[in-house]
Amino acid sequence: MWKGNTVFYSKYYTISYRYMFVTDPSFNKNIETSIIHDSSVKNMLIFYAQNVKPYTYKEIILKFTSPIPVFHVKRLERSIFVSHFGKIMVEDQVVVENAGPKLLGPYFNTESDYWMHTHLPASAENIKFFDIIGNNSKTYLREYEGTKTLKFIPRFSIRQGGWRSTYTLQYYVPVYEYVFRNKTDYFLKIRALDHILNDVVIEDAEVKIVLPDGATIVSVVVPSGFKKENDSNIYTSLSILGRQTVNLKGAFLLEEHINDIIIKYYYSLFSSLAAPFFIMLLLETVFFTIILWMKYSGKFCFYS
């Protein structure tokens, strides 16, 4: 909705006046106005006035709808899996909604969905974009100096107000850019919140930073906009001692809240050898059991 004055506001008497309101071609053609106008020219509303007295104010109210979406991120679940071998995996599960006005009439827009953009670290690799059904082919990756930009359209349309879509973005970054060592302690410095979409509000965010198997949390520096929840311990594939996890929550976050979280943790050499030792012990136990079973089962069969 737009409010304005349709006459020339002046301290002088105006004999004749013409006012033109130029509309965007993508606006709904059924624009409602509070006064009579001339709509013979395409994408333009023309109003005429004569003998306008000084300091005259004649209000006009225009009501229209636009297909340009107003994106809001309803929920963000960000998981960061830290490993001292290979890569750090980052996964963002995003629920995005068009928070624009909800139309009461029939759907009028026949244009394609609007492209969305997110910026990734320059070292990001093995980038995957998918939803609950599978991969989405409407993605393009552009590389610039110091960053990578992913251009995409979600599978499910969010052209109208109230429509939403869910997608998952996953990528890997090298360990040496984010993990640093100081004697027996390690420091992880990585963005708790990274760029999601241009000019959006993240209404609800949950961030989990999963440390290597057997690591012990020493201290955490929480970035602004977040509050720290209780730490947890999870078991993933090949987890023997458990992976301590830092849990953060935030609400109504903006791009100004993009900042690093710093985690200091202890990680010993034994922790890195726990999984290989357990696998070796398990295999040796299985082989030894098979040997004993073959030996004594054959002996029993011979006497029987």
Protein backbone atom coordinates (compact mmCIF):
# COMPACT_ATOMS: atom_id res chain seq x y z
CA MET A 1 0.00 0.00 0.00
CA TRP A 2 1.24 3.51 -0.88
CA LYS A 3 -0.07 6.85 0.36
CA GLY A 4 0.59 10.23 -1.22
CA ASN A 5 -0.75 13.57 -2.44
CA THR A 6 -2.17 13.78 -5.96
CA VAL A 7 -2.00 17.56 -6.27
CA PHE A 8 0.87 20.00 -6.34
CA TYR A 9 1.42 21.12 -2.77
CA SER A 10 2.37 24.79 -2.96
CA LYS A 11 1.63 28.16 -1.40
CA TYR A 12 0.56 29.37 -4.84
CA TYR A 13 -2.68 28.87 -6.73
CA THR A 14 -2.34 26.13 -9.42
CA ILE A 15 -4.49 26.42 -12.53
CA SER A 16 -3.76 23.01 -14.10
CA TYR A 17 -1.84 20.01 -12.84
CA ARG A 18 -1.11 16.47 -14.05
CA TYR A 19 0.25 13.70 -11.81
CA MET A 20 1.70 10.44 -13.18
CA PHE A 21 2.26 7.33 -11.10
CA VAL A 22 4.52 4.83 -12.91
CA THR A 23 4.03 1.21 -11.85
CA ASP A 24 6.37 -1.72 -12.15
CA PRO A 25 5.40 -4.13 -14.97
CA SER A 26 5.46 -7.06 -12.54
CA PHE A 27 2.81 -5.54 -10.25
CA ASN A 28 -0.67 -6.93 -10.15
CA LYS A 29 -2.71 -5.22 -12.88
CA ASN A 30 -5.70 -4.92 -10.54
CA ILE A 31 -4.34 -1.86 -8.71
CA GLU A 32 -6.92 -0.31 -6.42
CA THR A 33 -6.98 3.49 -6.10
CA SER A 34 -9.01 5.78 -3.88
CA ILE A 35 -9.68 8.37 -6.63
CA ILE A 36 -10.59 8.36 -10.34
CA HIS A 37 -7.63 8.10 -12.73
CA ASP A 38 -6.71 7.60 -16.37
CA SER A 39 -5.18 4.15 -17.01
CA SER A 40 -5.01 4.31 -20.81
CA VAL A 41 -1.19 4.31 -20.76
CA LYS A 42 0.46 0.99 -19.94
CA ASN A 43 2.08 0.74 -16.51
CA MET A 44 1.07 4.30 -15.65
CA LEU A 45 -1.73 5.96 -13.67
CA ILE A 46 -2.51 9.59 -14.61
CA PHE A 47 -4.41 12.04 -12.41
CA TYR A 48 -5.59 15.51 -13.45
CA ALA A 49 -6.41 18.49 -11.28
CA GLN A 50 -7.49 22.07 -12.01
CA ASN A 51 -7.80 25.21 -9.96
CA VAL A 52 -5.89 23.83 -7.01
CA LYS A 53 -5.91 26.11 -4.00
CA PRO A 54 -2.71 26.81 -2.03
CA TYR A 55 -1.64 24.16 0.49
CA THR A 56 -4.17 21.66 -0.81
CA TYR A 57 -3.72 18.04 0.18
CA LYS A 58 -5.72 15.37 -1.61
CA GLU A 59 -4.70 11.93 -0.42
CA ILE A 60 -4.42 8.94 -2.70
CA ILE A 61 -4.13 5.35 -1.51
CA LEU A 62 -2.81 2.73 -3.91
CA LYS A 63 -3.16 -0.96 -3.12
CA PHE A 64 -1.24 -3.43 -5.22
CA THR A 65 0.63 -6.70 -4.97
CA SER A 66 4.13 -7.52 -6.17
CA PRO A 67 5.56 -10.96 -6.98
CA ILE A 68 8.96 -9.94 -5.60
CA PRO A 69 9.38 -12.25 -2.58
CA VAL A 70 10.32 -11.10 0.90
CA PHE A 71 12.42 -14.00 2.12
CA HIS A 72 12.60 -14.94 5.78
CA VAL A 73 14.51 -17.93 7.12
CA LYS A 74 12.06 -19.56 9.49
CA ARG A 75 14.58 -22.08 10.81
CA LEU A 76 18.28 -22.79 10.35
CA GLU A 77 19.97 -25.95 11.60
CA ARG A 78 23.72 -25.69 11.12
CA SER A 79 25.98 -28.67 11.87
CA ILE A 80 29.78 -28.49 11.80
CA PHE A 81 31.66 -31.79 12.04
CA VAL A 82 35.32 -31.23 12.96
CA SER A 83 37.98 -33.76 12.07
CA HIS A 84 41.76 -33.60 12.39
CA PHE A 85 42.10 -35.76 9.30
CA GLY A 86 40.92 -34.51 5.93
CA LYS A 87 38.10 -31.96 5.94
CA ILE A 88 35.56 -30.21 8.13
CA MET A 89 32.00 -30.83 6.98
CA VAL A 90 29.47 -28.00 7.19
CA GLU A 91 25.76 -28.67 6.69
CA ASP A 92 22.97 -26.08 6.68
CA GLN A 93 19.33 -27.16 6.75
CA VAL A 94 17.25 -24.11 5.84
CA VAL A 95 13.51 -23.49 5.95
CA VAL A 96 12.84 -20.32 3.93
CA GLU A 97 9.47 -18.59 3.56
CA ASN A 98 8.10 -15.81 1.42
CA ALA A 99 6.92 -13.39 4.10
CA GLY A 100 5.24 -11.09 1.58
CA PRO A 101 1.49 -10.41 1.54
CA LYS A 102 -0.74 -13.43 1.13
CA LEU A 103 -3.03 -13.06 -1.87
CA LEU A 104 -6.72 -13.74 -1.42
CA GLY A 105 -7.53 -14.02 -5.12
CA PRO A 106 -6.21 -16.35 -7.82
CA TYR A 107 -2.50 -16.66 -8.50
CA PHE A 108 -1.61 -14.19 -11.26
CA ASN A 109 2.15 -14.36 -11.73
CA THR A 110 3.38 -16.46 -14.64
CA GLU A 111 7.05 -15.54 -14.27
CA SER A 112 9.68 -18.02 -13.13
CA ASP A 113 10.92 -18.21 -9.55
CA TYR A 114 13.48 -15.74 -8.35
CA TRP A 115 17.09 -16.84 -8.06
CA MET A 116 18.54 -16.94 -4.56
CA HIS A 117 22.20 -16.46 -3.66
CA THR A 118 24.44 -17.64 -0.84
CA HIS A 119 28.15 -17.04 -0.38
CA LEU A 120 30.55 -19.81 0.64
CA PRO A 121 34.22 -19.80 1.70
CA ALA A 122 36.71 -19.73 -1.16
CA SER A 123 38.11 -23.10 -0.04
CA ALA A 124 34.70 -24.83 -0.03
CA GLU A 125 34.61 -28.00 -2.11
CA ASN A 126 32.37 -30.96 -2.84
CA ILE A 127 29.36 -28.66 -2.60
CA LYS A 128 25.96 -30.37 -2.51
CA PHE A 129 22.50 -28.82 -2.67
CA PHE A 130 19.49 -31.06 -2.11
CA ASP A 131 16.16 -31.44 -0.34
CA ILE A 132 14.18 -34.35 1.10
CA ILE A 133 13.58 -35.76 -2.39
CA GLY A 134 17.11 -35.49 -3.75
CA ASN A 135 19.39 -33.22 -5.74
CA ASN A 136 18.08 -30.04 -7.33
CA SER A 137 19.50 -29.23 -10.76
CA LYS A 138 18.75 -25.49 -10.63
CA THR A 139 22.11 -24.51 -9.18
CA TYR A 140 25.07 -22.54 -10.50
CA LEU A 141 28.41 -21.97 -8.78
CA ARG A 142 30.44 -18.86 -9.47
CA GLU A 143 33.92 -18.28 -8.08
CA TYR A 144 35.22 -14.85 -7.15
CA GLU A 145 38.29 -13.68 -5.29
CA GLY A 146 37.95 -14.79 -1.68
CA THR A 147 34.51 -16.35 -2.00
CA LYS A 148 32.24 -18.68 -3.94
CA THR A 149 28.65 -17.79 -4.75
CA LEU A 150 25.98 -20.45 -5.16
CA LYS A 151 22.99 -19.37 -7.24
CA PHE A 152 19.96 -21.64 -6.85
CA ILE A 153 16.20 -22.06 -7.01
CA PRO A 154 14.59 -24.48 -4.50
CA ARG A 155 12.54 -27.34 -5.84
CA PHE A 156 9.33 -26.09 -4.23
CA SER A 157 8.19 -22.64 -5.33
CA ILE A 158 8.03 -19.74 -2.86
CA ARG A 159 6.66 -17.12 -5.24
CA GLN A 160 3.63 -16.17 -3.15
CA GLY A 161 3.41 -14.89 0.38
CA GLY A 162 3.11 -17.69 2.90
CA TRP A 163 4.79 -20.30 0.66
CA ARG A 164 7.91 -21.96 2.02
CA SER A 165 10.57 -24.44 1.00
CA THR A 166 13.22 -26.54 2.74
CA TYR A 167 16.68 -27.33 1.41
CA THR A 168 20.05 -28.60 2.62
CA LEU A 169 23.43 -27.16 1.66
CA GLN A 170 26.52 -29.23 2.41
CA TYR A 171 30.20 -28.56 1.73
CA TYR A 172 33.72 -29.29 3.04
CA VAL A 173 36.54 -26.95 4.06
CA PRO A 174 40.19 -27.81 4.91
CA VAL A 175 41.09 -28.35 8.56
CA TYR A 176 44.24 -26.19 8.58
CA GLU A 177 42.24 -23.00 7.93
CA TYR A 178 40.15 -23.38 11.10
CA VAL A 179 42.01 -25.57 13.62
CA PHE A 180 45.17 -24.35 15.40
CA ARG A 181 47.35 -26.02 18.00
CA ASN A 182 48.98 -24.61 21.14
CA LYS A 183 51.00 -27.31 22.89
CA THR A 184 48.43 -29.84 24.12
CA ASP A 185 45.35 -27.72 23.38
CA TYR A 186 43.61 -27.03 20.11
CA PHE A 187 41.62 -23.98 19.00
CA LEU A 188 38.74 -24.08 16.54
CA LYS A 189 37.84 -20.73 14.99
CA ILE A 190 34.94 -20.96 12.56
CA ARG A 191 31.80 -19.01 11.75
CA ALA A 192 28.88 -20.05 13.92
CA LEU A 193 26.62 -18.25 11.45
CA ASP A 194 27.63 -17.78 7.84
CA HIS A 195 25.93 -16.05 4.95
CA ILE A 196 22.61 -17.75 4.15
CA LEU A 197 20.67 -15.40 1.84
CA ASN A 198 20.91 -11.73 0.94
CA ASP A 199 19.11 -9.36 3.33
CA VAL A 200 17.16 -11.94 5.34
CA VAL A 201 16.11 -12.38 8.94
CA ILE A 202 16.82 -15.76 10.53
CA GLU A 203 13.98 -16.21 13.00
CA ASP A 204 15.27 -19.36 14.70
CA ALA A 205 18.79 -20.82 14.51
CA GLU A 206 20.37 -23.88 16.06
CA VAL A 207 24.10 -24.54 15.65
CA LYS A 208 25.95 -27.71 16.59
CA ILE A 209 29.74 -27.97 16.52
CA VAL A 210 30.78 -31.62 16.79
CA LEU A 211 34.40 -32.07 17.93
CA PRO A 212 36.65 -35.05 17.08
CA ASP A 213 36.14 -38.35 18.84
CA GLY A 214 37.57 -38.19 22.38
CA ALA A 215 38.09 -34.42 22.48
CA THR A 216 37.36 -32.54 25.72
CA ILE A 217 35.97 -29.00 25.72
CA VAL A 218 38.04 -26.50 27.72
CA SER A 219 36.36 -23.15 26.94
CA VAL A 220 33.99 -21.55 24.43
CA VAL A 221 33.77 -17.95 23.22
CA VAL A 222 30.15 -17.47 22.11
CA PRO A 223 29.49 -14.90 19.34
CA SER A 224 26.89 -12.17 19.72
CA GLY A 225 23.29 -13.11 19.00
CA PHE A 226 23.70 -16.63 20.37
CA LYS A 227 23.36 -18.25 23.73
CA LYS A 228 25.12 -21.44 24.71
CA GLU A 229 23.07 -24.50 25.63
CA ASN A 230 24.33 -27.52 27.57
CA ASP A 231 27.06 -29.51 25.85
CA SER A 232 26.16 -32.98 24.63
CA ASN A 233 27.98 -36.14 23.62
CA ILE A 234 27.06 -37.96 20.41
CA TYR A 235 28.28 -41.07 18.62
CA THR A 236 28.76 -41.06 14.88
CA SER A 237 30.30 -43.73 12.66
CA LEU A 238 33.58 -45.05 14.15
CA SER A 239 33.04 -43.06 17.36
CA ILE A 240 34.47 -44.96 20.32
CA LEU A 241 34.88 -42.38 23.08
CA GLY A 242 32.04 -40.10 21.96
CA ARG A 243 32.16 -36.71 20.28
CA GLN A 244 31.50 -33.72 22.51
CA THR A 245 29.19 -31.17 20.91
CA VAL A 246 28.80 -27.44 21.53
CA ASN A 247 25.16 -26.36 21.13
CA LEU A 248 24.14 -22.78 20.35
CA LYS A 249 20.75 -21.17 19.82
CA GLY A 250 19.82 -17.78 18.41
CA ALA A 251 16.74 -15.85 17.28
CA PHE A 252 16.10 -13.05 14.80
CA LEU A 253 19.64 -12.97 13.49
CA LEU A 254 20.89 -10.60 10.78
CA GLU A 255 24.06 -10.44 8.71
CA GLU A 256 25.58 -8.35 11.50
CA HIS A 257 25.58 -11.51 13.63
CA ILE A 258 27.92 -13.36 11.25
CA ASN A 259 30.89 -14.00 13.52
CA ASP A 260 33.33 -16.68 14.65
CA ILE A 261 32.95 -19.06 17.54
CA ILE A 262 36.22 -19.97 19.26
CA ILE A 263 36.41 -23.34 20.99
CA LYS A 264 39.41 -24.45 23.01
CA TYR A 265 39.61 -28.20 23.50
CA TYR A 266 42.02 -30.95 24.54
CA TYR A 267 42.77 -33.79 22.16
CA SER A 268 45.35 -36.50 22.82
CA LEU A 269 47.15 -38.93 20.53
CA PHE A 270 45.38 -41.85 22.24
CA SER A 271 42.02 -40.43 21.13
CA SER A 272 43.09 -40.56 17.48
CA LEU A 273 44.26 -44.17 17.90
CA ALA A 274 41.16 -45.35 19.77
CA ALA A 275 39.12 -46.12 16.67
CA PRO A 276 41.88 -48.04 14.77
CA PHE A 277 42.77 -49.97 17.93
CA PHE A 278 39.12 -50.87 18.53
CA ILE A 279 38.66 -52.02 14.91
CA MET A 280 41.84 -54.08 15.05
CA LEU A 281 40.80 -55.65 18.37
CA LEU A 282 37.33 -56.39 17.00
CA LEU A 283 38.71 -58.05 13.86
CA GLU A 284 41.21 -60.09 15.87
CA THR A 285 38.42 -61.22 18.17
CA VAL A 286 36.23 -62.25 15.24
CA PHE A 287 39.09 -64.15 13.53
CA PHE A 288 40.05 -65.88 16.75
CA THR A 289 36.44 -66.87 17.37
CA ILE A 290 36.11 -68.28 13.84
CA ILE A 291 39.34 -70.29 14.23
CA LEU A 292 38.20 -71.78 17.53
CA TRP A 293 34.77 -72.57 16.13
CA MET A 294 36.20 -74.30 13.06
CA LYS A 295 38.68 -76.27 15.13
CA TYR A 296 36.39 -77.58 17.84
CA SER A 297 33.27 -77.95 15.70
CA GLY A 298 35.25 -80.26 13.38
CA LYS A 299 36.54 -82.29 16.36
CA PHE A 300 33.04 -82.78 17.73
CA CYS A 301 31.77 -83.85 14.32
CA PHE A 302 34.57 -86.47 14.08
CA TYR A 303 33.67 -88.15 17.34
CA SER A 304 30.00 -88.07 16.59
